[in-house]
């Protein structure tokens, strides 16, 4: 439900998120994480990349590989 809610929110309010790049990147990262947890691995990578491209930062750059590595160990 978190996956559906965040994707719906991003789609419904594009102007709101266009004005708030950091928040948009956070939402895209959340969609990526929830997509991964629900088995949508290809889509999760797409959203992680979108989050990084929306607002680049070292935190977002390293979050994806660390998150994927952490979940592979489980």
N, C-alpha and C. Protein backbone atom coordinates (compact mmCIF):
# COMPACT_ATOMS: atom_id res chain seq x y z
N UNK A 1 0.81 -1.19 0.00
CA UNK A 1 0.00 0.00 0.00
C UNK A 1 0.87 1.27 0.00
N UNK A 2 2.03 1.19 0.66
CA UNK A 2 2.93 2.35 0.66
C UNK A 2 3.41 2.64 -0.75
N UNK A 3 3.71 1.59 -1.50
CA UNK A 3 4.16 1.74 -2.88
C UNK A 3 3.09 2.45 -3.70
N UNK A 4 1.87 1.96 -3.61
CA UNK A 4 0.77 2.55 -4.38
C UNK A 4 0.49 3.99 -3.94
N UNK A 5 0.54 4.23 -2.65
CA UNK A 5 0.26 5.57 -2.15
C UNK A 5 1.26 6.61 -2.60
N UNK A 6 2.53 6.26 -2.55
CA UNK A 6 3.55 7.23 -2.95
C UNK A 6 3.57 7.45 -4.46
N UNK A 7 3.35 6.41 -5.24
CA UNK A 7 3.30 6.60 -6.70
C UNK A 7 2.08 7.44 -7.07
N UNK A 8 0.95 7.21 -6.39
CA UNK A 8 -0.26 7.99 -6.64
C UNK A 8 -0.02 9.46 -6.30
N UNK A 9 0.60 9.71 -5.18
CA UNK A 9 0.87 11.07 -4.74
C UNK A 9 1.79 11.79 -5.74
N UNK A 10 2.82 11.12 -6.21
CA UNK A 10 3.73 11.72 -7.20
C UNK A 10 2.99 12.05 -8.50
N UNK A 11 2.11 11.15 -8.92
CA UNK A 11 1.38 11.36 -10.17
C UNK A 11 0.30 12.42 -10.03
N UNK A 12 -0.35 12.49 -8.90
CA UNK A 12 -1.46 13.41 -8.71
C UNK A 12 -1.01 14.86 -8.52
N UNK A 13 0.16 15.06 -7.94
CA UNK A 13 0.61 16.42 -7.61
C UNK A 13 1.97 16.75 -8.23
N UNK A 14 2.09 16.69 -9.54
CA UNK A 14 3.40 16.93 -10.15
C UNK A 14 3.90 18.36 -9.95
N UNK A 15 3.01 19.35 -9.96
CA UNK A 15 3.44 20.74 -9.79
C UNK A 15 3.98 20.97 -8.38
N UNK A 16 3.34 20.38 -7.39
CA UNK A 16 3.80 20.51 -6.00
C UNK A 16 5.22 19.98 -5.86
N UNK A 17 5.48 18.81 -6.44
CA UNK A 17 6.80 18.19 -6.33
C UNK A 17 7.83 18.86 -7.24
N UNK A 18 7.37 19.49 -8.32
CA UNK A 18 8.30 20.20 -9.19
C UNK A 18 8.92 21.39 -8.47
N UNK A 19 8.16 21.98 -7.57
CA UNK A 19 8.66 23.13 -6.82
C UNK A 19 9.50 22.72 -5.61
N UNK A 20 9.45 21.46 -5.23
CA UNK A 20 10.16 20.95 -4.05
C UNK A 20 10.99 19.73 -4.44
N UNK A 21 12.14 19.98 -5.04
CA UNK A 21 12.99 18.91 -5.59
C UNK A 21 13.45 17.91 -4.52
N UNK A 22 13.84 18.39 -3.36
CA UNK A 22 14.33 17.48 -2.32
C UNK A 22 13.22 16.54 -1.85
N UNK A 23 12.04 17.07 -1.69
CA UNK A 23 10.90 16.24 -1.27
C UNK A 23 10.55 15.23 -2.35
N UNK A 24 10.58 15.67 -3.60
CA UNK A 24 10.32 14.77 -4.73
C UNK A 24 11.34 13.63 -4.76
N UNK A 25 12.60 13.96 -4.56
CA UNK A 25 13.65 12.93 -4.55
C UNK A 25 13.42 11.96 -3.39
N UNK A 26 12.99 12.46 -2.24
CA UNK A 26 12.70 11.58 -1.11
C UNK A 26 11.54 10.64 -1.43
N UNK A 27 10.50 11.16 -2.04
CA UNK A 27 9.36 10.33 -2.42
C UNK A 27 9.78 9.27 -3.45
N UNK A 28 10.57 9.68 -4.43
CA UNK A 28 11.03 8.71 -5.43
C UNK A 28 11.89 7.63 -4.79
N UNK A 29 12.71 8.00 -3.83
CA UNK A 29 13.49 7.00 -3.10
C UNK A 29 12.60 6.05 -2.30
N UNK A 30 11.54 6.60 -1.71
CA UNK A 30 10.59 5.77 -0.97
C UNK A 30 9.87 4.80 -1.91
N UNK A 31 9.49 5.29 -3.08
CA UNK A 31 8.86 4.41 -4.07
C UNK A 31 9.84 3.30 -4.46
N UNK A 32 11.10 3.66 -4.67
CA UNK A 32 12.11 2.67 -5.02
C UNK A 32 12.27 1.60 -3.96
N UNK A 33 12.31 2.02 -2.71
CA UNK A 33 12.46 1.07 -1.60
C UNK A 33 11.24 0.16 -1.50
N UNK A 34 10.05 0.73 -1.60
CA UNK A 34 8.84 -0.07 -1.50
C UNK A 34 8.66 -0.98 -2.72
N UNK A 35 9.08 -0.52 -3.88
CA UNK A 35 9.03 -1.38 -5.06
C UNK A 35 9.95 -2.58 -4.88
N UNK A 36 11.13 -2.34 -4.32
CA UNK A 36 12.06 -3.45 -4.07
C UNK A 36 11.48 -4.45 -3.08
N UNK A 37 10.85 -3.94 -2.03
CA UNK A 37 10.28 -4.82 -1.00
C UNK A 37 9.10 -5.64 -1.50
N UNK A 38 8.44 -5.14 -2.55
CA UNK A 38 7.30 -5.88 -3.11
C UNK A 38 7.68 -6.70 -4.35
N UNK A 39 8.98 -6.82 -4.60
CA UNK A 39 9.44 -7.68 -5.69
C UNK A 39 9.57 -7.01 -7.04
N UNK A 40 9.38 -5.72 -7.12
CA UNK A 40 9.50 -4.99 -8.38
C UNK A 40 10.91 -4.42 -8.49
N UNK A 41 11.87 -5.28 -8.66
CA UNK A 41 13.28 -4.88 -8.60
C UNK A 41 13.68 -3.92 -9.72
N UNK A 42 13.22 -4.17 -10.94
CA UNK A 42 13.56 -3.29 -12.06
C UNK A 42 12.97 -1.90 -11.84
N UNK A 43 11.74 -1.85 -11.39
CA UNK A 43 11.10 -0.57 -11.13
C UNK A 43 11.77 0.16 -9.97
N UNK A 44 12.22 -0.60 -8.99
CA UNK A 44 12.89 0.03 -7.85
C UNK A 44 14.17 0.73 -8.29
N UNK A 45 14.94 0.09 -9.14
CA UNK A 45 16.17 0.70 -9.63
C UNK A 45 15.85 1.97 -10.42
N UNK A 46 14.78 1.92 -11.22
CA UNK A 46 14.37 3.09 -12.00
C UNK A 46 14.06 4.27 -11.07
N UNK A 47 13.35 4.02 -9.98
CA UNK A 47 13.01 5.11 -9.06
C UNK A 47 14.21 5.58 -8.25
N UNK A 48 15.11 4.67 -7.91
CA UNK A 48 16.33 5.10 -7.22
C UNK A 48 17.16 6.03 -8.11
N UNK A 49 17.24 5.70 -9.39
CA UNK A 49 17.98 6.54 -10.34
C UNK A 49 17.27 7.89 -10.51
N UNK A 50 15.93 7.86 -10.61
CA UNK A 50 15.18 9.11 -10.73
C UNK A 50 15.42 10.00 -9.51
N UNK A 51 15.43 9.41 -8.33
CA UNK A 51 15.66 10.18 -7.11
C UNK A 51 17.03 10.84 -7.15
N UNK A 52 18.04 10.10 -7.59
CA UNK A 52 19.39 10.66 -7.67
C UNK A 52 19.46 11.78 -8.72
N UNK A 53 18.81 11.59 -9.85
CA UNK A 53 18.84 12.60 -10.90
C UNK A 53 18.02 13.83 -10.53
N UNK A 54 16.97 13.65 -9.74
CA UNK A 54 16.16 14.78 -9.31
C UNK A 54 16.96 15.72 -8.43
N UNK A 55 17.65 15.14 -7.47
CA UNK A 55 18.53 15.95 -6.62
C UNK A 55 19.73 15.09 -6.22
N UNK A 56 20.82 15.32 -6.91
CA UNK A 56 22.02 14.52 -6.70
C UNK A 56 22.65 14.83 -5.35
N UNK A 57 23.07 13.79 -4.68
CA UNK A 57 23.81 13.94 -3.43
C UNK A 57 24.56 12.64 -3.18
N UNK A 58 25.61 12.72 -2.39
CA UNK A 58 26.36 11.51 -2.05
C UNK A 58 25.49 10.54 -1.26
N UNK A 59 24.63 11.08 -0.43
CA UNK A 59 23.73 10.24 0.36
C UNK A 59 22.86 9.38 -0.56
N UNK A 60 22.29 9.99 -1.60
CA UNK A 60 21.45 9.23 -2.52
C UNK A 60 22.28 8.29 -3.40
N UNK A 61 23.49 8.70 -3.72
CA UNK A 61 24.35 7.87 -4.55
C UNK A 61 24.71 6.57 -3.84
N UNK A 62 25.01 6.64 -2.54
CA UNK A 62 25.42 5.45 -1.81
C UNK A 62 24.26 4.70 -1.17
N UNK A 63 23.10 5.32 -1.08
CA UNK A 63 21.95 4.68 -0.46
C UNK A 63 21.52 3.42 -1.22
N UNK A 64 21.49 3.49 -2.53
CA UNK A 64 21.01 2.37 -3.33
C UNK A 64 21.89 1.13 -3.18
N UNK A 65 23.19 1.22 -3.45
CA UNK A 65 24.00 0.01 -3.30
C UNK A 65 24.01 -0.52 -1.86
N UNK A 66 24.03 0.37 -0.88
CA UNK A 66 24.01 -0.09 0.51
C UNK A 66 22.71 -0.78 0.85
N UNK A 67 21.61 -0.22 0.40
CA UNK A 67 20.30 -0.82 0.67
C UNK A 67 20.18 -2.18 -0.01
N UNK A 68 20.58 -2.26 -1.27
CA UNK A 68 20.50 -3.54 -1.98
C UNK A 68 21.42 -4.58 -1.36
N UNK A 69 22.63 -4.17 -0.98
CA UNK A 69 23.57 -5.11 -0.36
C UNK A 69 23.04 -5.60 0.98
N UNK A 70 22.49 -4.70 1.78
CA UNK A 70 21.94 -5.06 3.09
C UNK A 70 20.81 -6.08 2.95
N UNK A 71 19.97 -5.89 1.93
CA UNK A 71 18.84 -6.80 1.75
C UNK A 71 19.25 -8.13 1.10
N UNK A 72 20.37 -8.15 0.40
CA UNK A 72 20.86 -9.41 -0.15
C UNK A 72 21.39 -10.32 0.96
N UNK A 73 21.89 -9.72 2.04
CA UNK A 73 22.41 -10.49 3.14
C UNK A 73 21.33 -11.16 3.98
N UNK A 74 20.11 -10.68 3.88
CA UNK A 74 19.00 -11.25 4.68
C UNK A 74 18.57 -12.59 4.17
